C-alpha cells in the first residue's frame, strides 16, 4: 500500500478519534527583519530575574490531534522603560535548555528521545545555533497595561520581525502567541507529509519578572 495513503488514512482516523488541542493564543504577525531599528532608547534599564521568569512552549501534531509541551530558559535579558512605560528591551534564550515537561520522569527513554529530537537538526539544531534572541524594535501603548510589541526574532540564524500583544505592569511582562516555525526553517528535511505531521504553529507563553 502506498506510504502516503497510509499517512493520510492514519491522519483521518486520529483526527476523528482524539480530542483536539486548540490554542487560544493570538497569532503573531510575521514580516521581514526591521533594518531601520532606532538606536536604543535612553531610559531606565531593568534586568530580568532569570530565576523567576520562564518561557513555555507547546507544539501540536496532526492539526491538534496530539501535543507536547515544555520549557526553555533565558540566558540574559533586560527591558528599558521611560516614565514607567516599556520602550525597548532584549533577551537571549539558551537553546540547550529546551525540554519537554509532559512526559513523566519515570519514562526516561521517550522523554530523552524527544528532547534530543528537538535539539537535533530536524528542529532547532542546538549544537550549531546555541542561542536565540528577541530584540524589541517598537512598543505601542494600547491601554495602561496593554501593549503591541514588535521585535526582531532570531532563530537558527534567521531574523524576522514579529508583532504581538502583551501585558506589562510594574515588574511583570507576559504574553502568549503562536508563530509559524516554517518561517525560520524549523522543520524536517523530508517530504511535505513528513514536515506537516507536526503542525507548523508553535505556541509560546512568556512570563518575565523584573529584578
C-alpha atoms as a PDB file:
ATOM      1  CA  UNK A   1       0.000   0.000   0.000  1.00  0.00           C
ATOM      2  CA  UNK A   2       1.220   3.484  -0.849  1.00  0.00           C
ATOM      3  CA  UNK A   3       3.061   5.108   2.087  1.00  0.00           C
ATOM      4  CA  UNK A   4       1.344   8.470   1.611  1.00  0.00           C
ATOM      5  CA  UNK A   5      -2.084   6.787   1.536  1.00  0.00           C
ATOM      6  CA  UNK A   6      -1.280   5.178   4.884  1.00  0.00           C
ATOM      7  CA  UNK A   7      -0.227   8.525   6.359  1.00  0.00           C
ATOM      8  CA  UNK A   8      -3.425  10.231   5.177  1.00  0.00           C
ATOM      9  CA  UNK A   9      -5.581   7.375   6.475  1.00  0.00           C
ATOM     10  CA  UNK A  10      -3.855   7.474   9.866  1.00  0.00           C
ATOM     11  CA  UNK A  11      -4.318  11.226  10.000  1.00  0.00           C
ATOM     12  CA  UNK A  12      -8.080  10.952   9.332  1.00  0.00           C
ATOM     13  CA  UNK A  13      -8.539   8.216  11.924  1.00  0.00           C
ATOM     14  CA  UNK A  14      -6.605  10.023  14.625  1.00  0.00           C
ATOM     15  CA  UNK A  15      -8.263  13.353  13.888  1.00  0.00           C
ATOM     16  CA  UNK A  16     -11.707  11.804  14.312  1.00  0.00           C
ATOM     17  CA  UNK A  17     -10.897   9.812  17.454  1.00  0.00           C
ATOM     18  CA  UNK A  18      -8.621  12.025  19.525  1.00  0.00           C
ATOM     19  CA  UNK A  19      -9.602  15.249  21.274  1.00  0.00           C
ATOM     20  CA  UNK A  20      -8.276  18.404  19.679  1.00  0.00           C
ATOM     21  CA  UNK A  21      -5.676  20.560  21.434  1.00  0.00           C
ATOM     22  CA  UNK A  22      -6.711  24.012  20.268  1.00  0.00           C
ATOM     23  CA  UNK A  23      -4.787  27.142  21.211  1.00  0.00           C
ATOM     24  CA  UNK A  24      -6.484  30.281  22.483  1.00  0.00           C
ATOM     25  CA  UNK A  25      -3.304  32.267  21.834  1.00  0.00           C
ATOM     26  CA  UNK A  26      -3.105  35.170  19.408  1.00  0.00           C
ATOM     27  CA  UNK A  27      -1.262  34.598  16.138  1.00  0.00           C
ATOM     28  CA  UNK A  28       1.876  36.718  15.846  1.00  0.00           C
ATOM     29  CA  UNK A  29       2.216  38.808  12.704  1.00  0.00           C
ATOM     30  CA  UNK A  30       5.460  37.993  10.878  1.00  0.00           C
ATOM     31  CA  UNK A  31       7.259  40.313   8.480  1.00  0.00           C
ATOM     32  CA  UNK A  32      10.749  40.854   7.175  1.00  0.00           C
ATOM     33  CA  UNK A  33      13.509  41.886   9.556  1.00  0.00           C
ATOM     34  CA  UNK A  34      13.274  45.521  10.676  1.00  0.00           C
ATOM     35  CA  UNK A  35      16.507  47.022   9.343  1.00  0.00           C
ATOM     36  CA  UNK A  36      15.606  50.570  10.390  1.00  0.00           C
ATOM     37  CA  UNK A  37      15.840  49.992  14.110  1.00  0.00           C
ATOM     38  CA  UNK A  38      16.343  53.207  16.027  1.00  0.00           C
ATOM     39  CA  UNK A  39      19.314  53.459  18.339  1.00  0.00           C
ATOM     40  CA  UNK A  40      18.464  52.024  21.725  1.00  0.00           C
ATOM     41  CA  UNK A  41      16.268  54.417  23.660  1.00  0.00           C
ATOM     42  CA  UNK A  42      17.593  56.084  26.771  1.00  0.00           C
ATOM     43  CA  UNK A  43      15.710  55.204  29.927  1.00  0.00           C
ATOM     44  CA  UNK A  44      15.767  53.005  32.976  1.00  0.00           C
ATOM     45  CA  UNK A  45      17.284  49.578  32.358  1.00  0.00           C
ATOM     46  CA  UNK A  46      15.581  46.820  34.331  1.00  0.00           C
ATOM     47  CA  UNK A  47      17.185  43.405  34.451  1.00  0.00           C
ATOM     48  CA  UNK A  48      15.026  40.329  34.062  1.00  0.00           C
ATOM     49  CA  UNK A  49      15.111  37.975  37.049  1.00  0.00           C
ATOM     50  CA  UNK A  50      16.138  34.764  35.284  1.00  0.00           C
ATOM     51  CA  UNK A  51      15.236  32.554  38.253  1.00  0.00           C
ATOM     52  CA  UNK A  52      11.628  33.804  38.349  1.00  0.00           C
ATOM     53  CA  UNK A  53      10.963  34.128  34.618  1.00  0.00           C
ATOM     54  CA  UNK A  54      10.014  31.347  32.229  1.00  0.00           C
ATOM     55  CA  UNK A  55       9.190  30.534  28.632  1.00  0.00           C
ATOM     56  CA  UNK A  56       6.686  27.763  27.990  1.00  0.00           C
ATOM     57  CA  UNK A  57       6.197  26.201  24.551  1.00  0.00           C
ATOM     58  CA  UNK A  58       3.561  23.919  23.085  1.00  0.00           C
ATOM     59  CA  UNK A  59       3.633  22.064  19.797  1.00  0.00           C
ATOM     60  CA  UNK A  60       0.789  20.069  18.265  1.00  0.00           C
ATOM     61  CA  UNK A  61       0.657  17.346  15.649  1.00  0.00           C
ATOM     62  CA  UNK A  62      -1.888  16.262  13.055  1.00  0.00           C
ATOM     63  CA  UNK A  63      -3.877  19.503  13.320  1.00  0.00           C
ATOM     64  CA  UNK A  64      -4.145  19.398  17.066  1.00  0.00           C
ATOM     65  CA  UNK A  65      -4.857  15.681  17.486  1.00  0.00           C
ATOM     66  CA  UNK A  66      -1.869  15.400  19.825  1.00  0.00           C
ATOM     67  CA  UNK A  67       0.562  17.706  21.583  1.00  0.00           C
ATOM     68  CA  UNK A  68       3.756  18.078  23.567  1.00  0.00           C
ATOM     69  CA  UNK A  69       4.799  20.980  25.732  1.00  0.00           C
ATOM     70  CA  UNK A  70       7.793  22.079  27.719  1.00  0.00           C
ATOM     71  CA  UNK A  71      10.041  24.898  28.835  1.00  0.00           C
ATOM     72  CA  UNK A  72      13.156  26.736  27.795  1.00  0.00           C
ATOM     73  CA  UNK A  73      15.350  29.021  29.887  1.00  0.00           C
ATOM     74  CA  UNK A  74      16.511  32.576  29.402  1.00  0.00           C
ATOM     75  CA  UNK A  75      20.244  33.228  29.310  1.00  0.00           C
ATOM     76  CA  UNK A  76      20.051  37.001  29.794  1.00  0.00           C
ATOM     77  CA  UNK A  77      17.657  39.862  29.344  1.00  0.00           C
ATOM     78  CA  UNK A  78      16.573  43.378  30.185  1.00  0.00           C
ATOM     79  CA  UNK A  79      13.781  45.869  29.480  1.00  0.00           C
ATOM     80  CA  UNK A  80      14.099  49.635  29.115  1.00  0.00           C
ATOM     81  CA  UNK A  81      11.359  51.880  30.473  1.00  0.00           C
ATOM     82  CA  UNK A  82      10.713  55.591  30.282  1.00  0.00           C
ATOM     83  CA  UNK A  83       8.216  57.169  32.714  1.00  0.00           C
ATOM     84  CA  UNK A  84       7.286  53.615  33.715  1.00  0.00           C
ATOM     85  CA  UNK A  85       6.362  52.741  30.127  1.00  0.00           C
ATOM     86  CA  UNK A  86       8.135  49.978  28.227  1.00  0.00           C
ATOM     87  CA  UNK A  87      10.090  51.374  25.255  1.00  0.00           C
ATOM     88  CA  UNK A  88      12.766  48.800  24.427  1.00  0.00           C
ATOM     89  CA  UNK A  89      14.401  45.569  25.521  1.00  0.00           C
ATOM     90  CA  UNK A  90      16.302  42.474  24.573  1.00  0.00           C
ATOM     91  CA  UNK A  91      16.567  38.893  25.761  1.00  0.00           C
ATOM     92  CA  UNK A  92      18.610  35.870  24.828  1.00  0.00           C
ATOM     93  CA  UNK A  93      17.395  32.274  25.159  1.00  0.00           C
ATOM     94  CA  UNK A  94      19.661  29.315  25.917  1.00  0.00           C
ATOM     95  CA  UNK A  95      18.542  26.772  23.307  1.00  0.00           C
ATOM     96  CA  UNK A  96      20.389  23.925  25.036  1.00  0.00           C
ATOM     97  CA  UNK A  97      17.785  24.059  27.836  1.00  0.00           C
ATOM     98  CA  UNK A  98      14.787  23.240  25.652  1.00  0.00           C
ATOM     99  CA  UNK A  99      12.965  20.242  27.053  1.00  0.00           C
ATOM    100  CA  UNK A 100       9.606  18.515  27.260  1.00  0.00           C
ATOM    101  CA  UNK A 101       7.627  18.603  30.521  1.00  0.00           C
ATOM    102  CA  UNK A 102       4.565  16.482  29.708  1.00  0.00           C
ATOM    103  CA  UNK A 103       6.420  13.162  29.654  1.00  0.00           C
ATOM    104  CA  UNK A 104       6.977  11.969  33.253  1.00  0.00           C
ATOM    105  CA  UNK A 105      10.427  11.362  34.704  1.00  0.00           C
ATOM    106  CA  UNK A 106       9.639   7.657  35.173  1.00  0.00           C
ATOM    107  CA  UNK A 107       9.575   7.364  31.355  1.00  0.00           C
ATOM    108  CA  UNK A 108      13.183   8.439  30.666  1.00  0.00           C
ATOM    109  CA  UNK A 109      13.551   6.824  27.240  1.00  0.00           C
ATOM    110  CA  UNK A 110      10.720   8.642  25.406  1.00  0.00           C
ATOM    111  CA  UNK A 111      11.498  11.837  27.314  1.00  0.00           C
ATOM    112  CA  UNK A 112      15.182  11.775  26.328  1.00  0.00           C
ATOM    113  CA  UNK A 113      14.331  10.772  22.755  1.00  0.00           C
ATOM    114  CA  UNK A 114      12.026  13.748  22.297  1.00  0.00           C
ATOM    115  CA  UNK A 115      14.442  16.171  23.988  1.00  0.00           C
ATOM    116  CA  UNK A 116      17.246  15.014  21.707  1.00  0.00           C
ATOM    117  CA  UNK A 117      14.944  15.208  18.689  1.00  0.00           C
ATOM    118  CA  UNK A 118      14.070  18.834  19.466  1.00  0.00           C
ATOM    119  CA  UNK A 119      17.754  19.706  19.795  1.00  0.00           C
ATOM    120  CA  UNK A 120      18.715  17.925  16.577  1.00  0.00           C
ATOM    121  CA  UNK A 121      18.927  19.415  13.082  1.00  0.00           C
ATOM    122  CA  UNK A 122      15.352  18.212  12.483  1.00  0.00           C
ATOM    123  CA  UNK A 123      14.191  21.139  14.592  1.00  0.00           C
ATOM    124  CA  UNK A 124      16.375  23.674  16.441  1.00  0.00           C
ATOM    125  CA  UNK A 125      19.887  22.332  15.657  1.00  0.00           C
ATOM    126  CA  UNK A 126      21.105  23.411  19.092  1.00  0.00           C
ATOM    127  CA  UNK A 127      24.711  22.314  18.595  1.00  0.00           C
ATOM    128  CA  UNK A 128      25.059  24.802  15.735  1.00  0.00           C
ATOM    129  CA  UNK A 129      22.673  27.515  16.985  1.00  0.00           C
ATOM    130  CA  UNK A 130      23.225  27.702  20.725  1.00  0.00           C
ATOM    131  CA  UNK A 131      21.063  30.768  21.413  1.00  0.00           C
ATOM    132  CA  UNK A 132      18.067  32.622  20.033  1.00  0.00           C
ATOM    133  CA  UNK A 133      17.386  36.313  20.556  1.00  0.00           C
ATOM    134  CA  UNK A 134      14.488  38.775  20.593  1.00  0.00           C
ATOM    135  CA  UNK A 135      15.149  42.497  20.292  1.00  0.00           C
ATOM    136  CA  UNK A 136      12.216  44.882  20.716  1.00  0.00           C
ATOM    137  CA  UNK A 137      12.017  47.405  17.860  1.00  0.00           C
ATOM    138  CA  UNK A 138       8.824  49.276  18.808  1.00  0.00           C
ATOM    139  CA  UNK A 139       6.150  49.398  21.501  1.00  0.00           C
ATOM    140  CA  UNK A 140       2.671  50.895  21.140  1.00  0.00           C
ATOM    141  CA  UNK A 141       0.679  51.575  24.289  1.00  0.00           C
ATOM    142  CA  UNK A 142      -2.913  50.311  23.877  1.00  0.00           C
ATOM    143  CA  UNK A 143      -4.188  50.687  27.444  1.00  0.00           C
ATOM    144  CA  UNK A 144      -2.493  51.329  30.793  1.00  0.00           C
ATOM    145  CA  UNK A 145      -1.135  47.771  30.881  1.00  0.00           C
ATOM    146  CA  UNK A 146      -1.710  46.506  27.325  1.00  0.00           C
ATOM    147  CA  UNK A 147       0.918  46.824  24.589  1.00  0.00           C
ATOM    148  CA  UNK A 148       1.516  45.983  20.953  1.00  0.00           C
ATOM    149  CA  UNK A 149       5.131  44.825  20.787  1.00  0.00           C
ATOM    150  CA  UNK A 150       7.237  44.439  17.636  1.00  0.00           C
ATOM    151  CA  UNK A 151      10.718  42.996  17.526  1.00  0.00           C
ATOM    152  CA  UNK A 152      13.313  41.085  15.565  1.00  0.00           C
ATOM    153  CA  UNK A 153      13.331  37.387  16.440  1.00  0.00           C
ATOM    154  CA  UNK A 154      16.460  35.423  15.523  1.00  0.00           C
ATOM    155  CA  UNK A 155      16.214  31.629  15.364  1.00  0.00           C
ATOM    156  CA  UNK A 156      18.686  29.370  13.564  1.00  0.00           C
ATOM    157  CA  UNK A 157      20.491  32.457  12.203  1.00  0.00           C
ATOM    158  CA  UNK A 158      17.293  33.689  10.525  1.00  0.00           C
ATOM    159  CA  UNK A 159      15.887  37.040  11.668  1.00  0.00           C
ATOM    160  CA  UNK A 160      12.310  38.163  11.070  1.00  0.00           C
ATOM    161  CA  UNK A 161      10.136  40.766  12.728  1.00  0.00           C
ATOM    162  CA  UNK A 162       7.155  39.610  14.774  1.00  0.00           C
ATOM    163  CA  UNK A 163       4.344  41.600  16.354  1.00  0.00           C
ATOM    164  CA  UNK A 164       2.082  40.522  19.225  1.00  0.00           C
ATOM    165  CA  UNK A 165       0.026  41.871  22.097  1.00  0.00           C
ATOM    166  CA  UNK A 166       1.442  41.780  25.619  1.00  0.00           C
ATOM    167  CA  UNK A 167       0.737  42.895  29.178  1.00  0.00           C
ATOM    168  CA  UNK A 168       3.226  44.959  31.160  1.00  0.00           C
ATOM    169  CA  UNK A 169       2.629  46.354  34.606  1.00  0.00           C
ATOM    170  CA  UNK A 170       5.101  47.095  37.358  1.00  0.00           C
ATOM    171  CA  UNK A 171       7.618  44.267  37.473  1.00  0.00           C
ATOM    172  CA  UNK A 172       5.741  41.827  35.239  1.00  0.00           C
ATOM    173  CA  UNK A 173       5.612  41.222  31.476  1.00  0.00           C
ATOM    174  CA  UNK A 174       3.593  38.447  29.890  1.00  0.00           C
ATOM    175  CA  UNK A 175       2.326  37.336  26.511  1.00  0.00           C
ATOM    176  CA  UNK A 176       1.085  34.245  24.692  1.00  0.00           C
ATOM    177  CA  UNK A 177       1.171  33.833  20.929  1.00  0.00           C
ATOM    178  CA  UNK A 178       1.727  31.338  18.123  1.00  0.00           C
ATOM    179  CA  UNK A 179       4.156  31.666  15.229  1.00  0.00           C
ATOM    180  CA  UNK A 180       4.844  29.739  12.022  1.00  0.00           C
ATOM    181  CA  UNK A 181       8.023  27.697  12.560  1.00  0.00           C
ATOM    182  CA  UNK A 182       8.488  27.240   8.793  1.00  0.00           C
ATOM    183  CA  UNK A 183       9.444  30.936   8.582  1.00  0.00           C
ATOM    184  CA  UNK A 184      12.635  30.029  10.488  1.00  0.00           C
ATOM    185  CA  UNK A 185      13.265  26.664   8.746  1.00  0.00           C
ATOM    186  CA  UNK A 186      12.345  24.683  11.860  1.00  0.00           C
ATOM    187  CA  UNK A 187      11.248  21.556  10.037  1.00  0.00           C
ATOM    188  CA  UNK A 188      12.224  18.101   8.866  1.00  0.00           C
ATOM    189  CA  UNK A 189      14.233  17.875   5.670  1.00  0.00           C
ATOM    190  CA  UNK A 190      11.845  15.204   4.366  1.00  0.00           C
ATOM    191  CA  UNK A 191       8.855  15.495   2.058  1.00  0.00           C
ATOM    192  CA  UNK A 192       5.775  17.640   2.702  1.00  0.00           C
ATOM    193  CA  UNK A 193       3.947  14.844   4.546  1.00  0.00           C
ATOM    194  CA  UNK A 194       6.909  14.334   6.909  1.00  0.00           C
ATOM    195  CA  UNK A 195       7.152  18.064   7.617  1.00  0.00           C
ATOM    196  CA  UNK A 196       3.476  18.607   8.307  1.00  0.00           C
ATOM    197  CA  UNK A 197       2.732  15.703  10.648  1.00  0.00           C
ATOM    198  CA  UNK A 198       3.913  18.183  13.277  1.00  0.00           C
ATOM    199  CA  UNK A 199       1.797  21.329  12.929  1.00  0.00           C
ATOM    200  CA  UNK A 200       3.613  24.425  11.724  1.00  0.00           C
ATOM    201  CA  UNK A 201       2.479  26.744  14.534  1.00  0.00           C
ATOM    202  CA  UNK A 202       4.353  26.771  17.855  1.00  0.00           C
ATOM    203  CA  UNK A 203       2.689  28.331  20.895  1.00  0.00           C
ATOM    204  CA  UNK A 204       4.913  30.429  23.154  1.00  0.00           C
ATOM    205  CA  UNK A 205       3.926  31.734  26.595  1.00  0.00           C
ATOM    206  CA  UNK A 206       6.365  34.198  28.161  1.00  0.00           C
ATOM    207  CA  UNK A 207       6.262  35.384  31.759  1.00  0.00           C
ATOM    208  CA  UNK A 208       9.005  37.777  32.824  1.00  0.00           C
ATOM    209  CA  UNK A 209       9.611  39.156  36.292  1.00  0.00           C
ATOM    210  CA  UNK A 210      11.993  42.031  36.811  1.00  0.00           C
ATOM    211  CA  UNK A 211      14.685  42.173  39.490  1.00  0.00           C
END
